[in-house]
């Protein structure tokens, strides 16, 4: 059957060019006579893949020299524990500040509380996380070991338009659902982490970008595998890394560079999001759930007037080749995740289908 448009929040669709390259190299990677799936992570061929992946990511995100790049396992959920284990002990009191903007920040808060004192400086839970709370520098504790935000909220469809000023307190960001979708000044962060399965590649590899001065202060109880320093010292190969997902991530980085890099991709993402939001704002029956100022470029939740209509829409859209549009239970309705690999044509097809559905049901 023909390829469908996959609006899944993750694992999400990959660029077709990447899939074709991976398919062509499946049995024989560059005349090695073996697949990357079978390849030793100590082989020259795989070490070259890993080094190329890091070089490309550094170029795409303009990562300064005093930051280390890690390719780890365990997803962003493991980072909820690794961050406090490695950073809480930087200052007496073992304190960290968090901004609570959704389910994933709540989970990160829960993990951090196991290792120190957590202060939630602001939350948007009062309106079911449909906005980003206003943040000012005085809200953050100068004695905190770090401050944590989630730059884009996958479930609720919100996005930080401006980074908070945390002074000398290192800013830690879960960037899982919008990394590489828009430009960020990496020097504004102490740590950036992201699961791969939305904008980078298949599930299995996790990106961590950490400033060098934040290494080495892990708590005594930190397991070896959860210490950033040991992974830096072993160039992400303390144990066998997620070889194939890292290889596919490298192909995605190649694809993104060929497209013009992050700045060019941001323009496309803004175009896609604007197309969908414009329709929602003018629709008689479809309604976006997020306050306009905080709308995500990556995840667009919307609802119809009844659960019956929501169900009918999802069923009919699936039959039309527009899949995985059912919204998260926390919001209901629908959610269109329009990551980097979603082409403009996919969003256009969704909008046309929504227009047709509206004409039949309004």
Protein backbone atom coordinates (compact mmCIF):
# COMPACT_ATOMS: atom_id res chain seq x y z
CA UNK A 1 0.00 0.00 0.00
CA UNK A 2 1.18 3.59 -0.46
CA UNK A 3 2.91 5.46 2.34
CA UNK A 4 0.52 7.18 4.76
CA UNK A 5 0.96 10.45 6.61
CA UNK A 6 1.85 9.48 10.17
CA UNK A 7 0.92 12.14 12.74
CA UNK A 8 2.09 10.06 15.71
CA UNK A 9 3.62 11.87 18.68
CA UNK A 10 6.35 9.24 18.74
CA UNK A 11 7.77 7.05 17.45
CA UNK A 12 7.10 9.31 14.53
CA UNK A 13 7.63 9.27 10.78
CA UNK A 14 11.15 9.44 9.36
CA UNK A 15 12.22 11.16 6.13
CA UNK A 16 11.60 8.87 3.18
CA UNK A 17 15.11 9.57 1.87
CA UNK A 18 16.55 8.29 5.15
CA UNK A 19 14.50 5.12 5.06
CA UNK A 20 15.59 4.42 1.49
CA UNK A 21 19.25 4.91 2.35
CA UNK A 22 18.96 2.66 5.39
CA UNK A 23 17.21 0.03 3.27
CA UNK A 24 19.88 0.15 0.59
CA UNK A 25 22.61 -0.31 3.21
CA UNK A 26 20.79 -2.90 5.30
CA UNK A 27 22.75 -5.94 4.10
CA UNK A 28 26.04 -4.27 3.24
CA UNK A 29 27.10 -0.99 4.80
CA UNK A 30 29.61 0.72 2.51
CA UNK A 31 31.29 -2.49 1.30
CA UNK A 32 31.91 -3.84 4.81
CA UNK A 33 29.89 -6.95 3.93
CA UNK A 34 27.78 -6.52 7.05
CA UNK A 35 24.79 -4.59 8.30
CA UNK A 36 25.17 -1.85 10.90
CA UNK A 37 22.80 -3.98 12.99
CA UNK A 38 25.52 -6.66 13.14
CA UNK A 39 28.52 -4.40 13.35
CA UNK A 40 30.87 -4.23 16.33
CA UNK A 41 30.67 -0.87 18.06
CA UNK A 42 34.47 -1.05 18.30
CA UNK A 43 34.92 -1.41 14.55
CA UNK A 44 36.41 1.41 12.52
CA UNK A 45 33.24 1.60 10.43
CA UNK A 46 30.96 2.17 13.39
CA UNK A 47 33.32 4.54 15.20
CA UNK A 48 33.29 6.63 12.02
CA UNK A 49 29.46 6.64 12.05
CA UNK A 50 29.41 7.81 15.67
CA UNK A 51 31.99 10.53 15.08
CA UNK A 52 30.17 11.76 11.97
CA UNK A 53 26.91 11.87 13.92
CA UNK A 54 28.47 14.03 16.61
CA UNK A 55 30.16 16.33 14.10
CA UNK A 56 26.90 16.83 12.22
CA UNK A 57 24.88 17.48 15.38
CA UNK A 58 27.45 20.00 16.58
CA UNK A 59 27.23 21.80 13.25
CA UNK A 60 23.44 21.74 13.08
CA UNK A 61 22.94 23.03 16.63
CA UNK A 62 26.07 25.23 16.69
CA UNK A 63 27.22 23.51 19.88
CA UNK A 64 30.15 25.33 21.57
CA UNK A 65 33.44 23.53 22.15
CA UNK A 66 32.98 23.49 25.93
CA UNK A 67 29.96 21.19 25.63
CA UNK A 68 30.10 17.40 25.41
CA UNK A 69 27.71 15.38 23.25
CA UNK A 70 26.55 11.97 24.40
CA UNK A 71 24.54 9.25 22.66
CA UNK A 72 22.94 7.21 25.44
CA UNK A 73 20.14 4.73 26.09
CA UNK A 74 17.07 4.82 28.29
CA UNK A 75 15.12 7.65 26.70
CA UNK A 76 14.35 11.01 28.26
CA UNK A 77 12.71 9.17 31.17
CA UNK A 78 16.12 7.94 32.36
CA UNK A 79 17.36 11.52 32.16
CA UNK A 80 14.73 12.46 34.75
CA UNK A 81 16.97 10.57 37.21
CA UNK A 82 20.38 11.17 35.63
CA UNK A 83 20.06 14.96 35.80
CA UNK A 84 19.53 15.17 39.58
CA UNK A 85 22.01 12.38 40.27
CA UNK A 86 24.69 14.31 38.41
CA UNK A 87 23.75 17.91 39.27
CA UNK A 88 22.00 17.96 42.66
CA UNK A 89 25.29 17.67 44.54
CA UNK A 90 26.81 20.77 42.99
CA UNK A 91 25.68 22.93 45.91
CA UNK A 92 24.84 22.34 49.56
CA UNK A 93 21.18 21.73 50.11
CA UNK A 94 20.71 19.66 46.97
CA UNK A 95 18.02 21.94 45.57
CA UNK A 96 16.52 22.25 42.10
CA UNK A 97 13.86 24.50 40.57
CA UNK A 98 11.28 23.23 38.09
CA UNK A 99 8.61 24.73 35.87
CA UNK A 100 5.68 22.33 35.59
CA UNK A 101 4.08 22.49 32.14
CA UNK A 102 2.79 18.96 31.63
CA UNK A 103 3.06 15.24 32.21
CA UNK A 104 6.74 14.91 31.39
CA UNK A 105 7.83 17.76 33.64
CA UNK A 106 5.69 16.22 36.42
CA UNK A 107 7.55 12.94 35.98
CA UNK A 108 10.90 14.75 36.04
CA UNK A 109 9.85 16.50 39.25
CA UNK A 110 8.88 13.19 40.83
CA UNK A 111 12.27 11.65 40.06
CA UNK A 112 14.23 14.69 41.27
CA UNK A 113 12.42 14.62 44.63
CA UNK A 114 14.09 11.26 45.33
CA UNK A 115 17.50 12.94 45.43
CA UNK A 116 16.99 16.42 46.85
CA UNK A 117 14.64 19.33 47.46
CA UNK A 118 12.48 20.44 44.57
CA UNK A 119 10.70 23.78 44.23
CA UNK A 120 8.06 24.19 41.54
CA UNK A 121 8.52 27.86 40.69
CA UNK A 122 5.46 27.97 38.40
CA UNK A 123 2.86 25.67 36.90
CA UNK A 124 0.13 25.80 34.27
CA UNK A 125 -1.80 22.89 35.73
CA UNK A 126 -4.68 25.20 36.68
CA UNK A 127 -5.74 25.31 33.00
CA UNK A 128 -4.77 21.74 32.10
CA UNK A 129 -1.38 22.94 30.87
CA UNK A 130 -2.69 24.94 27.90
CA UNK A 131 -0.20 27.79 28.42
CA UNK A 132 3.35 28.52 29.60
CA UNK A 133 3.44 30.43 32.91
CA UNK A 134 5.13 33.81 33.07
CA UNK A 135 8.63 33.49 34.55
CA UNK A 136 10.89 36.14 36.06
CA UNK A 137 14.46 35.87 37.31
CA UNK A 138 13.51 36.44 40.96
CA UNK A 139 11.38 33.28 40.93
CA UNK A 140 14.50 31.10 40.70
CA UNK A 141 16.64 30.29 43.74
CA UNK A 142 20.28 31.42 43.23
CA UNK A 143 21.32 28.51 45.45
CA UNK A 144 19.59 25.90 43.32
CA UNK A 145 21.85 23.38 41.62
CA UNK A 146 19.88 23.72 38.39
CA UNK A 147 16.57 24.88 36.93
CA UNK A 148 14.56 22.58 34.66
CA UNK A 149 12.10 23.26 31.83
CA UNK A 150 10.45 21.25 29.06
CA UNK A 151 10.83 23.39 25.95
CA UNK A 152 7.92 21.80 24.07
CA UNK A 153 5.08 19.85 25.62
CA UNK A 154 4.14 16.93 23.41
CA UNK A 155 0.83 16.06 25.01
CA UNK A 156 -0.57 19.52 25.61
CA UNK A 157 0.90 21.30 22.57
CA UNK A 158 2.64 24.23 24.26
CA UNK A 159 6.03 25.76 23.59
CA UNK A 160 8.34 28.26 25.25
CA UNK A 161 8.66 31.34 23.08
CA UNK A 162 11.37 32.78 25.36
CA UNK A 163 13.81 31.05 27.67
CA UNK A 164 13.63 32.03 31.34
CA UNK A 165 16.48 34.04 32.87
CA UNK A 166 17.88 31.82 35.64
CA UNK A 167 20.98 33.89 36.33
CA UNK A 168 23.97 31.72 37.21
CA UNK A 169 21.80 28.67 37.82
CA UNK A 170 22.33 26.16 34.98
CA UNK A 171 19.24 25.76 32.81
CA UNK A 172 18.38 22.14 32.02
CA UNK A 173 15.96 21.43 29.17
CA UNK A 174 14.03 18.39 28.10
CA UNK A 175 13.96 19.10 24.37
CA UNK A 176 12.65 15.71 23.28
CA UNK A 177 9.81 16.91 21.07
CA UNK A 178 11.32 19.99 19.43
CA UNK A 179 15.08 19.49 19.21
CA UNK A 180 16.34 20.45 15.72
CA UNK A 181 12.98 22.00 14.82
CA UNK A 182 13.99 25.57 15.68
CA UNK A 183 17.20 27.39 16.52
CA UNK A 184 18.40 27.62 20.11
CA UNK A 185 21.48 29.23 21.59
CA UNK A 186 23.03 26.18 23.25
CA UNK A 187 25.23 28.40 25.42
CA UNK A 188 22.07 29.43 27.31
CA UNK A 189 21.77 25.89 28.71
CA UNK A 190 23.72 23.76 31.14
CA UNK A 191 22.20 20.52 29.87
CA UNK A 192 19.95 19.64 26.94
CA UNK A 193 18.53 16.15 26.60
CA UNK A 194 16.16 14.56 24.11
CA UNK A 195 14.74 11.20 23.20
CA UNK A 196 15.28 10.46 19.52
CA UNK A 197 11.92 9.11 18.44
CA UNK A 198 10.33 12.37 17.35
CA UNK A 199 12.82 14.49 15.37
CA UNK A 200 16.03 12.48 15.36
CA UNK A 201 15.49 8.81 14.57
CA UNK A 202 14.01 5.57 15.87
CA UNK A 203 13.51 4.96 19.57
CA UNK A 204 16.62 3.73 21.33
CA UNK A 205 19.14 6.57 21.33
CA UNK A 206 19.02 9.60 23.63
CA UNK A 207 20.96 12.81 23.05
CA UNK A 208 22.60 14.61 25.97
CA UNK A 209 24.47 17.88 25.52
CA UNK A 210 26.24 18.97 28.70
CA UNK A 211 28.54 21.85 29.60
CA UNK A 212 31.94 20.60 30.70
CA UNK A 213 31.99 22.35 34.08
CA UNK A 214 28.89 20.38 35.14
CA UNK A 215 30.69 17.04 34.92
CA UNK A 216 32.08 15.15 37.89
CA UNK A 217 29.80 16.30 40.71
CA UNK A 218 27.51 13.28 40.80
CA UNK A 219 26.04 12.06 44.10
CA UNK A 220 27.83 9.17 45.79
CA UNK A 221 24.84 6.91 45.20
CA UNK A 222 24.99 7.39 41.43
CA UNK A 223 25.29 4.06 39.59
CA UNK A 224 28.20 3.98 37.17
CA UNK A 225 25.90 3.74 34.17
CA UNK A 226 24.04 6.87 35.26
CA UNK A 227 27.07 9.12 35.57
CA UNK A 228 27.65 11.58 32.74
CA UNK A 229 31.40 11.73 33.34
CA UNK A 230 32.00 8.04 32.69
CA UNK A 231 30.13 8.30 29.37
CA UNK A 232 32.11 11.38 28.36
CA UNK A 233 35.40 9.66 29.23
CA UNK A 234 34.38 6.65 27.13
CA UNK A 235 32.95 8.67 24.23
CA UNK A 236 29.46 7.21 24.68
CA UNK A 237 30.86 3.67 24.49
CA UNK A 238 31.22 2.65 28.13
CA UNK A 239 28.84 -0.13 27.14
CA UNK A 240 27.47 -1.15 23.76
CA UNK A 241 25.62 1.91 22.45
CA UNK A 242 22.31 1.76 20.52
CA UNK A 243 24.20 1.24 17.27
CA UNK A 244 21.45 1.11 14.66
CA UNK A 245 19.36 4.00 16.04
CA UNK A 246 22.53 6.08 16.17
CA UNK A 247 23.27 5.21 12.55
CA UNK A 248 19.77 6.27 11.49
CA UNK A 249 20.13 9.47 13.54
CA UNK A 250 23.30 10.21 11.59
CA UNK A 251 21.35 9.77 8.33
CA UNK A 252 18.70 12.19 9.63
CA UNK A 253 21.42 14.72 10.46
CA UNK A 254 22.73 14.35 6.89
CA UNK A 255 19.20 14.90 5.56
CA UNK A 256 18.64 17.94 7.73
CA UNK A 257 21.94 19.49 6.66
CA UNK A 258 21.02 18.94 2.99
CA UNK A 259 17.71 20.71 3.64
CA UNK A 260 19.56 23.83 4.78
CA UNK A 261 19.96 23.12 8.48
CA UNK A 262 17.88 24.04 11.49
CA UNK A 263 17.11 27.61 10.40
CA UNK A 264 15.66 26.39 7.10
CA UNK A 265 13.71 23.65 8.84
CA UNK A 266 12.28 26.16 11.30
CA UNK A 267 10.81 28.16 8.41
CA UNK A 268 9.13 25.04 7.03
CA UNK A 269 7.83 24.12 10.48
CA UNK A 270 6.40 27.59 10.95
CA UNK A 271 4.69 27.30 7.57
CA UNK A 272 3.16 23.92 8.44
CA UNK A 273 1.96 25.05 11.86
CA UNK A 274 0.53 28.32 10.50
CA UNK A 275 -1.47 26.40 7.87
CA UNK A 276 -3.07 24.18 10.48
CA UNK A 277 -3.68 26.89 13.08
CA UNK A 278 -5.19 29.21 10.48
CA UNK A 279 -7.77 26.58 9.64
CA UNK A 280 -8.52 25.88 13.31
CA UNK A 281 -9.00 29.57 14.06
CA UNK A 282 -11.54 29.93 11.28
CA UNK A 283 -13.33 26.62 11.72
CA UNK A 284 -16.96 26.33 12.79
CA UNK A 285 -16.53 23.01 14.59
CA UNK A 286 -12.80 22.34 15.13
CA UNK A 287 -11.15 24.11 18.05
CA UNK A 288 -7.53 24.31 19.16
CA UNK A 289 -6.93 23.73 22.88
CA UNK A 290 -3.85 25.91 23.47
CA UNK A 291 -3.67 29.64 24.17
CA UNK A 292 -2.44 31.21 20.93
CA UNK A 293 0.71 32.78 22.40
CA UNK A 294 2.09 29.41 23.46
CA UNK A 295 1.20 27.17 20.54
CA UNK A 296 3.68 24.46 19.62
CA UNK A 297 5.18 24.13 16.16
CA UNK A 298 5.39 20.37 16.63
CA UNK A 299 2.23 19.15 18.38
CA UNK A 300 -1.21 20.56 17.60
CA UNK A 301 -4.09 19.31 19.78
CA UNK A 302 -7.66 20.11 18.72
CA UNK A 303 -11.18 18.95 19.50
CA UNK A 304 -14.64 18.64 18.00
CA UNK A 305 -17.90 19.39 19.87
CA UNK A 306 -18.51 15.78 20.95
CA UNK A 307 -16.68 12.52 21.62
CA UNK A 308 -18.76 10.88 18.90
CA UNK A 309 -17.50 13.37 16.32
CA UNK A 310 -13.94 13.00 17.59
CA UNK A 311 -14.17 9.23 17.14
CA UNK A 312 -15.70 9.52 13.70
CA UNK A 313 -13.03 11.96 12.59
CA UNK A 314 -10.16 9.73 13.71
CA UNK A 315 -11.71 6.67 12.06
CA UNK A 316 -12.36 8.42 8.76
CA UNK A 317 -8.97 10.13 8.74
CA UNK A 318 -7.24 6.79 9.25
CA UNK A 319 -9.13 5.34 6.30
CA UNK A 320 -7.92 8.32 4.25
CA UNK A 321 -4.26 7.61 5.09
CA UNK A 322 -3.94 10.19 7.88
CA UNK A 323 -3.00 8.02 10.83
CA UNK A 324 -2.35 8.34 14.57
CA UNK A 325 -4.43 11.48 15.06
CA UNK A 326 -6.15 10.39 18.27
CA UNK A 327 -5.35 12.82 21.08
CA UNK A 328 -3.87 11.95 24.44
CA UNK A 329 -6.45 11.08 27.09
CA UNK A 330 -5.34 14.12 29.14
CA UNK A 331 -6.65 16.44 26.43
CA UNK A 332 -8.98 14.27 24.37
CA UNK A 333 -9.94 14.95 20.79
CA UNK A 334 -7.12 14.85 18.27
CA UNK A 335 -3.44 15.73 18.07
CA UNK A 336 -1.41 16.25 14.92
CA UNK A 337 2.32 15.88 15.51
CA UNK A 338 4.06 17.60 12.62
CA UNK A 339 7.73 17.01 13.26
CA UNK A 340 10.56 17.77 10.84
CA UNK A 341 9.90 14.70 8.69
CA UNK A 342 6.23 15.58 8.12
CA UNK A 343 6.15 17.26 4.70
CA UNK A 344 4.07 20.35 3.95
CA UNK A 345 1.96 18.14 1.70
CA UNK A 346 0.98 16.02 4.69
CA UNK A 347 -0.32 19.00 6.63
CA UNK A 348 -2.09 20.29 3.53
CA UNK A 349 -3.78 16.90 3.10
CA UNK A 350 -4.90 16.99 6.75
CA UNK A 351 -6.37 20.48 6.42
CA UNK A 352 -8.23 19.52 3.24
CA UNK A 353 -9.66 16.47 4.98
CA UNK A 354 -10.72 18.62 7.96
CA UNK A 355 -12.49 21.03 5.60
CA UNK A 356 -14.35 18.15 4.00
CA UNK A 357 -15.30 16.69 7.37
CA UNK A 358 -16.54 20.08 8.54
CA UNK A 359 -18.70 20.56 5.47
CA UNK A 360 -20.43 17.24 6.18
CA UNK A 361 -20.85 17.72 9.93
CA UNK A 362 -21.61 21.39 10.55
